[in-house]
Amino acid sequence: MELDIQTTREGDVCIVSLEGEVDVYTASQLKDVLVETIEGGCANVVVDLDAVSFIDSSGLGVLVGALRRAKERSGSVRLVCVRENVLKIFRITGLDKVFPIFASVGEASAF
């Protein structure tokens, strides 16, 4: 499965919308986009996971790395996800306590 990544900017918030699977094969692609986004001056990032059907530990690692990078620049990474199978992974790993998770991009973008 492939991962389609679209990035848009609304003011000082960058929205990274994903579609597909975030796994060991696609995590590096996501990492490149997130690093480029944050290093490029957008430290407040919303990652839209609504069209993600699967995420594994390598994908979670990329998100944690992005959060660390954003916090170093006084920013944050917020997630948008309502898919139960993806939310379950965040709950099991305890990352639902680390990342703010919202039901819509609009809610997550209200920094």
PDB file of N, CA and C in Angstrom:
ATOM      1  N   MET A   1       0.846  -1.192   0.000  1.00  0.00           N
ATOM      2  CA  MET A   1       0.000   0.000   0.000  1.00  0.00           C
ATOM      3  C   MET A   1       0.882   1.242   0.000  1.00  0.00           C
ATOM      4  N   GLU A   2       0.426   2.246  -0.649  1.00  0.00           N
ATOM      5  CA  GLU A   2       1.163   3.494  -0.702  1.00  0.00           C
ATOM      6  C   GLU A   2       0.615   4.479   0.313  1.00  0.00           C
ATOM      7  N   LEU A   3       1.374   5.544   0.489  1.00  0.00           N
ATOM      8  CA  LEU A   3       0.954   6.621   1.378  1.00  0.00           C
ATOM      9  C   LEU A   3       0.949   7.902   0.566  1.00  0.00           C
ATOM     10  N   ASP A   4      -0.207   8.545   0.514  1.00  0.00           N
ATOM     11  CA  ASP A   4      -0.336   9.823  -0.172  1.00  0.00           C
ATOM     12  C   ASP A   4      -0.285  10.916   0.884  1.00  0.00           C
ATOM     13  N   ILE A   5       0.588  11.904   0.673  1.00  0.00           N
ATOM     14  CA  ILE A   5       0.774  12.983   1.643  1.00  0.00           C
ATOM     15  C   ILE A   5       0.524  14.320   0.957  1.00  0.00           C
ATOM     16  N   GLN A   6      -0.366  15.104   1.534  1.00  0.00           N
ATOM     17  CA  GLN A   6      -0.650  16.455   1.053  1.00  0.00           C
ATOM     18  C   GLN A   6      -0.376  17.429   2.194  1.00  0.00           C
ATOM     19  N   THR A   7       0.314  18.520   1.889  1.00  0.00           N
ATOM     20  CA  THR A   7       0.615  19.519   2.904  1.00  0.00           C
ATOM     21  C   THR A   7       0.029  20.866   2.495  1.00  0.00           C
ATOM     22  N   THR A   8      -0.694  21.484   3.425  1.00  0.00           N
ATOM     23  CA  THR A   8      -1.228  22.821   3.192  1.00  0.00           C
ATOM     24  C   THR A   8      -0.876  23.688   4.398  1.00  0.00           C
ATOM     25  N   ARG A   9      -0.862  24.986   4.182  1.00  0.00           N
ATOM     26  CA  ARG A   9      -0.556  25.915   5.272  1.00  0.00           C
ATOM     27  C   ARG A   9      -1.692  26.894   5.431  1.00  0.00           C
ATOM     28  N   GLU A  10      -2.130  27.064   6.677  1.00  0.00           N
ATOM     29  CA  GLU A  10      -3.160  28.037   7.021  1.00  0.00           C
ATOM     30  C   GLU A  10      -2.599  28.914   8.133  1.00  0.00           C
ATOM     31  N   GLY A  11      -2.105  30.074   7.759  1.00  0.00           N
ATOM     32  CA  GLY A  11      -1.478  30.953   8.748  1.00  0.00           C
ATOM     33  C   GLY A  11      -0.195  30.328   9.254  1.00  0.00           C
ATOM     34  N   ASP A  12      -0.094  30.163  10.583  1.00  0.00           N
ATOM     35  CA  ASP A  12       1.111  29.554  11.147  1.00  0.00           C
ATOM     36  C   ASP A  12       0.930  28.063  11.438  1.00  0.00           C
ATOM     37  N   VAL A  13      -0.118  27.468  10.883  1.00  0.00           N
ATOM     38  CA  VAL A  13      -0.387  26.038  11.077  1.00  0.00           C
ATOM     39  C   VAL A  13      -0.237  25.307   9.745  1.00  0.00           C
ATOM     40  N   CYS A  14       0.535  24.230   9.769  1.00  0.00           N
ATOM     41  CA  CYS A  14       0.666  23.383   8.581  1.00  0.00           C
ATOM     42  C   CYS A  14      -0.144  22.115   8.802  1.00  0.00           C
ATOM     43  N   ILE A  15      -0.918  21.758   7.794  1.00  0.00           N
ATOM     44  CA  ILE A  15      -1.754  20.564   7.878  1.00  0.00           C
ATOM     45  C   ILE A  15      -1.165  19.516   6.947  1.00  0.00           C
ATOM     46  N   VAL A  16      -0.828  18.367   7.513  1.00  0.00           N
ATOM     47  CA  VAL A  16      -0.278  17.258   6.747  1.00  0.00           C
ATOM     48  C   VAL A  16      -1.355  16.180   6.711  1.00  0.00           C
ATOM     49  N   SER A  17      -1.957  16.006   5.535  1.00  0.00           N
ATOM     50  CA  SER A  17      -3.045  15.034   5.375  1.00  0.00           C
ATOM     51  C   SER A  17      -2.496  13.755   4.770  1.00  0.00           C
ATOM     52  N   LEU A  18      -2.813  12.641   5.406  1.00  0.00           N
ATOM     53  CA  LEU A  18      -2.301  11.348   4.974  1.00  0.00           C
ATOM     54  C   LEU A  18      -3.427  10.460   4.484  1.00  0.00           C
ATOM     55  N   GLU A  19      -3.120   9.638   3.489  1.00  0.00           N
ATOM     56  CA  GLU A  19      -4.080   8.653   3.002  1.00  0.00           C
ATOM     57  C   GLU A  19      -3.324   7.387   2.660  1.00  0.00           C
ATOM     58  N   GLY A  20      -3.728   6.277   3.273  1.00  0.00           N
ATOM     59  CA  GLY A  20      -3.073   4.993   3.018  1.00  0.00           C
ATOM     60  C   GLY A  20      -2.622   4.367   4.319  1.00  0.00           C
ATOM     61  N   GLU A  21      -1.446   3.730   4.262  1.00  0.00           N
ATOM     62  CA  GLU A  21      -0.896   3.060   5.430  1.00  0.00           C
ATOM     63  C   GLU A  21       0.435   3.692   5.819  1.00  0.00           C
ATOM     64  N   VAL A  22       0.612   3.885   7.129  1.00  0.00           N
ATOM     65  CA  VAL A  22       1.887   4.381   7.643  1.00  0.00           C
ATOM     66  C   VAL A  22       2.571   3.192   8.293  1.00  0.00           C
ATOM     67  N   ASP A  23       3.553   2.639   7.596  1.00  0.00           N
ATOM     68  CA  ASP A  23       4.239   1.449   8.085  1.00  0.00           C
ATOM     69  C   ASP A  23       5.728   1.556   7.808  1.00  0.00           C
ATOM     70  N   VAL A  24       6.430   0.468   8.010  1.00  0.00           N
ATOM     71  CA  VAL A  24       7.879   0.460   7.852  1.00  0.00           C
ATOM     72  C   VAL A  24       8.292   0.881   6.437  1.00  0.00           C
ATOM     73  N   TYR A  25       7.447   0.671   5.463  1.00  0.00           N
ATOM     74  CA  TYR A  25       7.771   1.006   4.076  1.00  0.00           C
ATOM     75  C   TYR A  25       7.506   2.472   3.742  1.00  0.00           C
ATOM     76  N   THR A  26       6.577   3.104   4.445  1.00  0.00           N
ATOM     77  CA  THR A  26       6.189   4.485   4.108  1.00  0.00           C
ATOM     78  C   THR A  26       6.591   5.503   5.178  1.00  0.00           C
ATOM     79  N   ALA A  27       7.071   5.035   6.324  1.00  0.00           N
ATOM     80  CA  ALA A  27       7.392   5.944   7.432  1.00  0.00           C
ATOM     81  C   ALA A  27       8.475   6.955   7.061  1.00  0.00           C
ATOM     82  N   SER A  28       9.452   6.540   6.272  1.00  0.00           N
ATOM     83  CA  SER A  28      10.530   7.466   5.911  1.00  0.00           C
ATOM     84  C   SER A  28      10.003   8.606   5.043  1.00  0.00           C
ATOM     85  N   GLN A  29       9.039   8.302   4.204  1.00  0.00           N
ATOM     86  CA  GLN A  29       8.398   9.326   3.366  1.00  0.00           C
ATOM     87  C   GLN A  29       7.704  10.366   4.256  1.00  0.00           C
ATOM     88  N   LEU A  30       6.977   9.891   5.266  1.00  0.00           N
ATOM     89  CA  LEU A  30       6.304  10.795   6.199  1.00  0.00           C
ATOM     90  C   LEU A  30       7.323  11.597   6.994  1.00  0.00           C
ATOM     91  N   LYS A  31       8.379  10.941   7.443  1.00  0.00           N
ATOM     92  CA  LYS A  31       9.411  11.635   8.216  1.00  0.00           C
ATOM     93  C   LYS A  31      10.006  12.777   7.402  1.00  0.00           C
ATOM     94  N   ASP A  32      10.325  12.523   6.142  1.00  0.00           N
ATOM     95  CA  ASP A  32      10.905  13.564   5.285  1.00  0.00           C
ATOM     96  C   ASP A  32       9.990  14.779   5.205  1.00  0.00           C
ATOM     97  N   VAL A  33       8.697  14.541   5.022  1.00  0.00           N
ATOM     98  CA  VAL A  33       7.737  15.647   4.901  1.00  0.00           C
ATOM     99  C   VAL A  33       7.628  16.412   6.218  1.00  0.00           C
ATOM    100  N   LEU A  34       7.546  15.694   7.336  1.00  0.00           N
ATOM    101  CA  LEU A  34       7.410  16.359   8.631  1.00  0.00           C
ATOM    102  C   LEU A  34       8.666  17.151   8.989  1.00  0.00           C
ATOM    103  N   VAL A  35       9.840  16.592   8.729  1.00  0.00           N
ATOM    104  CA  VAL A  35      11.083  17.311   9.014  1.00  0.00           C
ATOM    105  C   VAL A  35      11.161  18.570   8.155  1.00  0.00           C
ATOM    106  N   GLU A  36      10.865  18.431   6.878  1.00  0.00           N
ATOM    107  CA  GLU A  36      10.898  19.579   5.963  1.00  0.00           C
ATOM    108  C   GLU A  36       9.897  20.660   6.400  1.00  0.00           C
ATOM    109  N   THR A  37       8.727  20.239   6.818  1.00  0.00           N
ATOM    110  CA  THR A  37       7.693  21.177   7.260  1.00  0.00           C
ATOM    111  C   THR A  37       8.133  21.941   8.497  1.00  0.00           C
ATOM    112  N   ILE A  38       8.606  21.219   9.499  1.00  0.00           N
ATOM    113  CA  ILE A  38       8.988  21.848  10.770  1.00  0.00           C
ATOM    114  C   ILE A  38      10.266  22.675  10.608  1.00  0.00           C
ATOM    115  N   GLU A  39      11.261  22.107   9.940  1.00  0.00           N
ATOM    116  CA  GLU A  39      12.518  22.833   9.718  1.00  0.00           C
ATOM    117  C   GLU A  39      12.286  24.048   8.827  1.00  0.00           C
ATOM    118  N   GLY A  40      11.247  23.990   8.002  1.00  0.00           N
ATOM    119  CA  GLY A  40      10.937  25.095   7.103  1.00  0.00           C
ATOM    120  C   GLY A  40      10.190  26.232   7.777  1.00  0.00           C
ATOM    121  N   GLY A  41      10.020  26.148   9.096  1.00  0.00           N
ATOM    122  CA  GLY A  41       9.443  27.264   9.829  1.00  0.00           C
ATOM    123  C   GLY A  41       8.010  27.080  10.282  1.00  0.00           C
ATOM    124  N   CYS A  42       7.456  25.902  10.112  1.00  0.00           N
ATOM    125  CA  CYS A  42       6.083  25.660  10.549  1.00  0.00           C
ATOM    126  C   CYS A  42       6.115  24.676  11.724  1.00  0.00           C
ATOM    127  N   ALA A  43       6.211  25.214  12.940  1.00  0.00           N
ATOM    128  CA  ALA A  43       6.356  24.362  14.124  1.00  0.00           C
ATOM    129  C   ALA A  43       5.021  23.871  14.666  1.00  0.00           C
ATOM    130  N   ASN A  44       3.904  24.458  14.210  1.00  0.00           N
ATOM    131  CA  ASN A  44       2.586  23.985  14.624  1.00  0.00           C
ATOM    132  C   ASN A  44       2.009  23.141  13.494  1.00  0.00           C
ATOM    133  N   VAL A  45       1.956  21.845  13.745  1.00  0.00           N
ATOM    134  CA  VAL A  45       1.578  20.900  12.703  1.00  0.00           C
ATOM    135  C   VAL A  45       0.345  20.107  13.124  1.00  0.00           C
ATOM    136  N   VAL A  46      -0.590  19.986  12.194  1.00  0.00           N
ATOM    137  CA  VAL A  46      -1.749  19.115  12.365  1.00  0.00           C
ATOM    138  C   VAL A  46      -1.567  17.961  11.394  1.00  0.00           C
ATOM    139  N   VAL A  47      -1.571  16.742  11.921  1.00  0.00           N
ATOM    140  CA  VAL A  47      -1.457  15.556  11.075  1.00  0.00           C
ATOM    141  C   VAL A  47      -2.839  14.910  11.003  1.00  0.00           C
ATOM    142  N   ASP A  48      -3.413  14.928   9.810  1.00  0.00           N
ATOM    143  CA  ASP A  48      -4.757  14.385   9.585  1.00  0.00           C
ATOM    144  C   ASP A  48      -4.638  12.910   9.221  1.00  0.00           C
ATOM    145  N   LEU A  49      -5.046  12.054  10.164  1.00  0.00           N
ATOM    146  CA  LEU A  49      -4.961  10.604  10.002  1.00  0.00           C
ATOM    147  C   LEU A  49      -6.295   9.973   9.606  1.00  0.00           C
ATOM    148  N   ASP A  50      -7.278  10.781   9.277  1.00  0.00           N
ATOM    149  CA  ASP A  50      -8.614  10.236   9.008  1.00  0.00           C
ATOM    150  C   ASP A  50      -8.664   9.257   7.841  1.00  0.00           C
ATOM    151  N   ALA A  51      -7.783   9.415   6.868  1.00  0.00           N
ATOM    152  CA  ALA A  51      -7.781   8.500   5.727  1.00  0.00           C
ATOM    153  C   ALA A  51      -6.674   7.451   5.834  1.00  0.00           C
ATOM    154  N   VAL A  52      -6.119   7.299   7.044  1.00  0.00           N
ATOM    155  CA  VAL A  52      -5.095   6.280   7.284  1.00  0.00           C
ATOM    156  C   VAL A  52      -5.791   5.011   7.764  1.00  0.00           C
ATOM    157  N   SER A  53      -5.529   3.913   7.058  1.00  0.00           N
ATOM    158  CA  SER A  53      -6.175   2.653   7.421  1.00  0.00           C
ATOM    159  C   SER A  53      -5.349   1.834   8.407  1.00  0.00           C
ATOM    160  N   PHE A  54      -4.042   2.143   8.522  1.00  0.00           N
ATOM    161  CA  PHE A  54      -3.163   1.361   9.383  1.00  0.00           C
ATOM    162  C   PHE A  54      -1.943   2.196   9.736  1.00  0.00           C
ATOM    163  N   ILE A  55      -1.483   2.071  10.987  1.00  0.00           N
ATOM    164  CA  ILE A  55      -0.223   2.697  11.402  1.00  0.00           C
ATOM    165  C   ILE A  55       0.500   1.715  12.312  1.00  0.00           C
ATOM    166  N   ASP A  56       1.807   1.571  12.094  1.00  0.00           N
ATOM    167  CA  ASP A  56       2.576   0.654  12.938  1.00  0.00           C
ATOM    168  C   ASP A  56       3.583   1.442  13.779  1.00  0.00           C
ATOM    169  N   SER A  57       4.450   0.717  14.494  1.00  0.00           N
ATOM    170  CA  SER A  57       5.375   1.368  15.416  1.00  0.00           C
ATOM    171  C   SER A  57       6.342   2.309  14.714  1.00  0.00           C
ATOM    172  N   SER A  58       6.718   2.016  13.477  1.00  0.00           N
ATOM    173  CA  SER A  58       7.626   2.919  12.776  1.00  0.00           C
ATOM    174  C   SER A  58       6.922   4.242  12.482  1.00  0.00           C
ATOM    175  N   GLY A  59       5.642   4.191  12.153  1.00  0.00           N
ATOM    176  CA  GLY A  59       4.863   5.409  11.942  1.00  0.00           C
ATOM    177  C   GLY A  59       4.705   6.197  13.221  1.00  0.00           C
ATOM    178  N   LEU A  60       4.463   5.487  14.325  1.00  0.00           N
ATOM    179  CA  LEU A  60       4.341   6.161  15.619  1.00  0.00           C
ATOM    180  C   LEU A  60       5.654   6.838  15.991  1.00  0.00           C
ATOM    181  N   GLY A  61       6.764   6.167  15.698  1.00  0.00           N
ATOM    182  CA  GLY A  61       8.082   6.732  15.978  1.00  0.00           C
ATOM    183  C   GLY A  61       8.322   8.023  15.218  1.00  0.00           C
ATOM    184  N   VAL A  62       7.886   8.065  13.978  1.00  0.00           N
ATOM    185  CA  VAL A  62       8.024   9.277  13.169  1.00  0.00           C
ATOM    186  C   VAL A  62       7.217  10.413  13.788  1.00  0.00           C
ATOM    187  N   LEU A  63       6.008  10.118  14.239  1.00  0.00           N
ATOM    188  CA  LEU A  63       5.169  11.156  14.859  1.00  0.00           C
ATOM    189  C   LEU A  63       5.793  11.669  16.156  1.00  0.00           C
ATOM    190  N   VAL A  64       6.344  10.768  16.963  1.00  0.00           N
ATOM    191  CA  VAL A  64       6.997  11.170  18.216  1.00  0.00           C
ATOM    192  C   VAL A  64       8.213  12.047  17.909  1.00  0.00           C
ATOM    193  N   GLY A  65       8.984  11.664  16.890  1.00  0.00           N
ATOM    194  CA  GLY A  65      10.139  12.466  16.493  1.00  0.00           C
ATOM    195  C   GLY A  65       9.724  13.859  16.026  1.00  0.00           C
ATOM    196  N   ALA A  66       8.623  13.925  15.286  1.00  0.00           N
ATOM    197  CA  ALA A  66       8.117  15.220  14.824  1.00  0.00           C
ATOM    198  C   ALA A  66       7.666  16.075  16.005  1.00  0.00           C
ATOM    199  N   LEU A  67       7.032  15.451  16.984  1.00  0.00           N
ATOM    200  CA  LEU A  67       6.591  16.178  18.178  1.00  0.00           C
ATOM    201  C   LEU A  67       7.796  16.767  18.914  1.00  0.00           C
ATOM    202  N   ARG A  68       8.829  15.978  19.079  1.00  0.00           N
ATOM    203  CA  ARG A  68      10.049  16.460  19.744  1.00  0.00           C
ATOM    204  C   ARG A  68      10.646  17.641  18.974  1.00  0.00           C
ATOM    205  N   ARG A  69      10.735  17.502  17.664  1.00  0.00           N
ATOM    206  CA  ARG A  69      11.297  18.549  16.810  1.00  0.00           C
ATOM    207  C   ARG A  69      10.449  19.835  16.902  1.00  0.00           C
ATOM    208  N   ALA A  70       9.123  19.678  16.892  1.00  0.00           N
ATOM    209  CA  ALA A  70       8.228  20.839  16.978  1.00  0.00           C
ATOM    210  C   ALA A  70       8.354  21.521  18.340  1.00  0.00           C
ATOM    211  N   LYS A  71       8.432  20.740  19.414  1.00  0.00           N
ATOM    212  CA  LYS A  71       8.539  21.315  20.760  1.00  0.00           C
ATOM    213  C   LYS A  71       9.842  22.083  20.923  1.00  0.00           C
ATOM    214  N   GLU A  72      10.914  21.630  20.264  1.00  0.00           N
ATOM    215  CA  GLU A  72      12.184  22.353  20.317  1.00  0.00           C
ATOM    216  C   GLU A  72      12.041  23.745  19.715  1.00  0.00           C
ATOM    217  N   ARG A  73      11.036  23.931  18.882  1.00  0.00           N
ATOM    218  CA  ARG A  73      10.777  25.218  18.238  1.00  0.00           C
ATOM    219  C   ARG A  73       9.518  25.883  18.807  1.00  0.00           C
ATOM    220  N   SER A  74       9.154  25.490  20.024  1.00  0.00           N
ATOM    221  CA  SER A  74       7.974  26.021  20.731  1.00  0.00           C
ATOM    222  C   SER A  74       6.681  25.773  19.965  1.00  0.00           C
ATOM    223  N   GLY A  75       6.619  24.674  19.242  1.00  0.00           N
ATOM    224  CA  GLY A  75       5.426  24.308  18.495  1.00  0.00           C
ATOM    225  C   GLY A  75       4.778  23.059  19.064  1.00  0.00           C
ATOM    226  N   SER A  76       3.893  22.474  18.271  1.00  0.00           N
ATOM    227  CA  SER A  76       3.231  21.249  18.708  1.00  0.00           C
ATOM    228  C   SER A  76       2.778  20.446  17.499  1.00  0.00           C
ATOM    229  N   VAL A  77       2.486  19.194  17.751  1.00  0.00           N
ATOM    230  CA  VAL A  77       1.913  18.313  16.734  1.00  0.00           C
ATOM    231  C   VAL A  77       0.586  17.826  17.293  1.00  0.00           C
ATOM    232  N   ARG A  78      -0.477  18.093  16.547  1.00  0.00           N
ATOM    233  CA  ARG A  78      -1.817  17.647  16.929  1.00  0.00           C
ATOM    234  C   ARG A  78      -2.308  16.676  15.874  1.00  0.00           C
ATOM    235  N   LEU A  79      -3.067  15.700  16.312  1.00  0.00           N
ATOM    236  CA  LEU A  79      -3.557  14.670  15.402  1.00  0.00           C
ATOM    237  C   LEU A  79      -5.060  14.789  15.201  1.00  0.00           C
ATOM    238  N   VAL A  80      -5.502  14.419  14.003  1.00  0.00           N
ATOM    239  CA  VAL A  80      -6.927  14.325  13.699  1.00  0.00           C
ATOM    240  C   VAL A  80      -7.187  12.868  13.362  1.00  0.00           C
ATOM    241  N   CYS A  81      -8.076  12.245  14.128  1.00  0.00           N
ATOM    242  CA  CYS A  81      -8.374  10.838  13.878  1.00  0.00           C
ATOM    243  C   CYS A  81      -9.678  10.447  14.564  1.00  0.00           C
ATOM    244  N   VAL A  82     -10.552   9.808  13.803  1.00  0.00           N
ATOM    245  CA  VAL A  82     -11.765   9.246  14.382  1.00  0.00           C
ATOM    246  C   VAL A  82     -11.880   7.755  14.072  1.00  0.00           C
ATOM    247  N   ARG A  83     -10.930   7.210  13.320  1.00  0.00           N
ATOM    248  CA  ARG A  83     -10.958   5.781  12.977  1.00  0.00           C
ATOM    249  C   ARG A  83     -10.580   4.956  14.198  1.00  0.00           C
ATOM    250  N   GLU A  84     -11.481   4.116  14.623  1.00  0.00           N
ATOM    251  CA  GLU A  84     -11.292   3.367  15.860  1.00  0.00           C
ATOM    252  C   GLU A  84     -10.052   2.474  15.830  1.00  0.00           C
ATOM    253  N   ASN A  85      -9.787   1.815  14.688  1.00  0.00           N
ATOM    254  CA  ASN A  85      -8.630   0.916  14.639  1.00  0.00           C
ATOM    255  C   ASN A  85      -7.312   1.668  14.793  1.00  0.00           C
ATOM    256  N   VAL A  86      -7.247   2.913  14.320  1.00  0.00           N
ATOM    257  CA  VAL A  86      -6.031   3.717  14.474  1.00  0.00           C
ATOM    258  C   VAL A  86      -5.973   4.302  15.885  1.00  0.00           C
ATOM    259  N   LEU A  87      -7.087   4.787  16.390  1.00  0.00           N
ATOM    260  CA  LEU A  87      -7.130   5.316  17.753  1.00  0.00           C
ATOM    261  C   LEU A  87      -6.718   4.253  18.773  1.00  0.00           C
ATOM    262  N   LYS A  88      -7.089   3.024  18.516  1.00  0.00           N
ATOM    263  CA  LYS A  88      -6.765   1.916  19.425  1.00  0.00           C
ATOM    264  C   LYS A  88      -5.251   1.783  19.596  1.00  0.00           C
ATOM    265  N   ILE A  89      -4.502   1.963  18.512  1.00  0.00           N
ATOM    266  CA  ILE A  89      -3.035   1.888  18.575  1.00  0.00           C
ATOM    267  C   ILE A  89      -2.490   2.980  19.495  1.00  0.00           C
ATOM    268  N   PHE A  90      -3.049   4.171  19.394  1.00  0.00           N
ATOM    269  CA  PHE A  90      -2.595   5.267  20.260  1.00  0.00           C
ATOM    270  C   PHE A  90      -2.940   4.982  21.720  1.00  0.00           C
ATOM    271  N   ARG A  91      -4.103   4.389  21.962  1.00  0.00           N
ATOM    272  CA  ARG A  91      -4.496   4.056  23.341  1.00  0.00           C
ATOM    273  C   ARG A  91      -3.596   2.966  23.910  1.00  0.00           C
ATOM    274  N   ILE A  92      -3.358   1.914  23.144  1.00  0.00           N
ATOM    275  CA  ILE A  92      -2.545   0.788  23.609  1.00  0.00           C
ATOM    276  C   ILE A  92      -1.133   1.238  23.970  1.00  0.00           C
ATOM    277  N   THR A  93      -0.578   2.136  23.165  1.00  0.00           N
ATOM    278  CA  THR A  93       0.795   2.593  23.386  1.00  0.00           C
ATOM    279  C   THR A  93       0.891   3.742  24.391  1.00  0.00           C
ATOM    280  N   GLY A  94      -0.251   4.288  24.789  1.00  0.00           N
ATOM    281  CA  GLY A  94      -0.251   5.418  25.705  1.00  0.00           C
ATOM    282  C   GLY A  94       0.001   6.747  25.021  1.00  0.00           C
ATOM    283  N   LEU A  95       0.133   6.741  23.701  1.00  0.00           N
ATOM    284  CA  LEU A  95       0.403   7.974  22.972  1.00  0.00           C
ATOM    285  C   LEU A  95      -0.814   8.889  22.881  1.00  0.00           C
ATOM    286  N   ASP A  96      -1.978   8.376  23.259  1.00  0.00           N
ATOM    287  CA  ASP A  96      -3.159   9.248  23.315  1.00  0.00           C
ATOM    288  C   ASP A  96      -3.025  10.266  24.450  1.00  0.00           C
ATOM    289  N   LYS A  97      -2.074  10.012  25.373  1.00  0.00           N
ATOM    290  CA  LYS A  97      -1.795  10.949  26.463  1.00  0.00           C
ATOM    291  C   LYS A  97      -0.697  11.943  26.054  1.00  0.00           C
ATOM    292  N   VAL A  98       0.017  11.625  24.987  1.00  0.00           N
ATOM    293  CA  VAL A  98       1.131  12.451  24.519  1.00  0.00           C
ATOM    294  C   VAL A  98       0.672  13.430  23.449  1.00  0.00           C
ATOM    295  N   PHE A  99      -0.157  12.938  22.532  1.00  0.00           N
ATOM    296  CA  PHE A  99      -0.649  13.756  21.433  1.00  0.00           C
ATOM    297  C   PHE A  99      -2.079  14.210  21.701  1.00  0.00           C
ATOM    298  N   PRO A 100      -2.375  15.490  21.496  1.00  0.00           N
ATOM    299  CA  PRO A 100      -3.780  15.904  21.499  1.00  0.00           C
ATOM    300  C   PRO A 100      -4.436  15.339  20.231  1.00  0.00           C
ATOM    301  N   ILE A 101      -5.557  14.656  20.387  1.00  0.00           N
ATOM    302  CA  ILE A 101      -6.240  14.037  19.248  1.00  0.00           C
ATOM    303  C   ILE A 101      -7.618  14.672  19.111  1.00  0.00           C
ATOM    304  N   PHE A 102      -7.916  15.134  17.899  1.00  0.00           N
ATOM    305  CA  PHE A 102      -9.159  15.850  17.624  1.00  0.00           C
ATOM    306  C   PHE A 102      -9.987  15.121  16.580  1.00  0.00           C
ATOM    307  N   ALA A 103     -11.265  15.477  16.509  1.00  0.00           N
ATOM    308  CA  ALA A 103     -12.184  14.848  15.561  1.00  0.00           C
ATOM    309  C   ALA A 103     -12.183  15.524  14.189  1.00  0.00           C
ATOM    310  N   SER A 104     -11.658  16.769  14.116  1.00  0.00           N
ATOM    311  CA  SER A 104     -11.651  17.464  12.831  1.00  0.00           C
ATOM    312  C   SER A 104     -10.416  18.351  12.721  1.00  0.00           C
ATOM    313  N   VAL A 105     -10.055  18.660  11.487  1.00  0.00           N
ATOM    314  CA  VAL A 105      -8.924  19.547  11.229  1.00  0.00           C
ATOM    315  C   VAL A 105      -9.207  20.928  11.806  1.00  0.00           C
ATOM    316  N   GLY A 106     -10.447  21.373  11.699  1.00  0.00           N
ATOM    317  CA  GLY A 106     -10.818  22.684  12.245  1.00  0.00           C
ATOM    318  C   GLY A 106     -10.552  22.788  13.730  1.00  0.00           C
ATOM    319  N   GLU A 107     -10.939  21.759  14.478  1.00  0.00           N
ATOM    320  CA  GLU A 107     -10.695  21.759  15.925  1.00  0.00           C
ATOM    321  C   GLU A 107      -9.206  21.739  16.224  1.00  0.00           C
ATOM    322  N   ALA A 108      -8.474  20.905  15.512  1.00  0.00           N
ATOM    323  CA  ALA A 108      -7.047  20.755  15.766  1.00  0.00           C
ATOM    324  C   ALA A 108      -6.262  21.994  15.380  1.00  0.00           C
ATOM    325  N   SER A 109      -6.754  22.745  14.408  1.00  0.00           N
ATOM    326  CA  SER A 109      -6.054  23.934  13.917  1.00  0.00           C
ATOM    327  C   SER A 109      -6.217  25.147  14.814  1.00  0.00           C
ATOM    328  N   ALA A 110      -7.119  25.084  15.755  1.00  0.00           N
ATOM    329  CA  ALA A 110      -7.379  26.232  16.641  1.00  0.00           C
ATOM    330  C   ALA A 110      -6.319  26.313  17.742  1.00  0.00           C
ATOM    331  N   PHE A 111      -5.120  26.734  17.373  1.00  0.00           N
ATOM    332  CA  PHE A 111      -4.010  26.801  18.336  1.00  0.00           C
ATOM    333  C   PHE A 111      -4.171  28.002  19.243  1.00  0.00           C
TER     334      PHE A 111
END
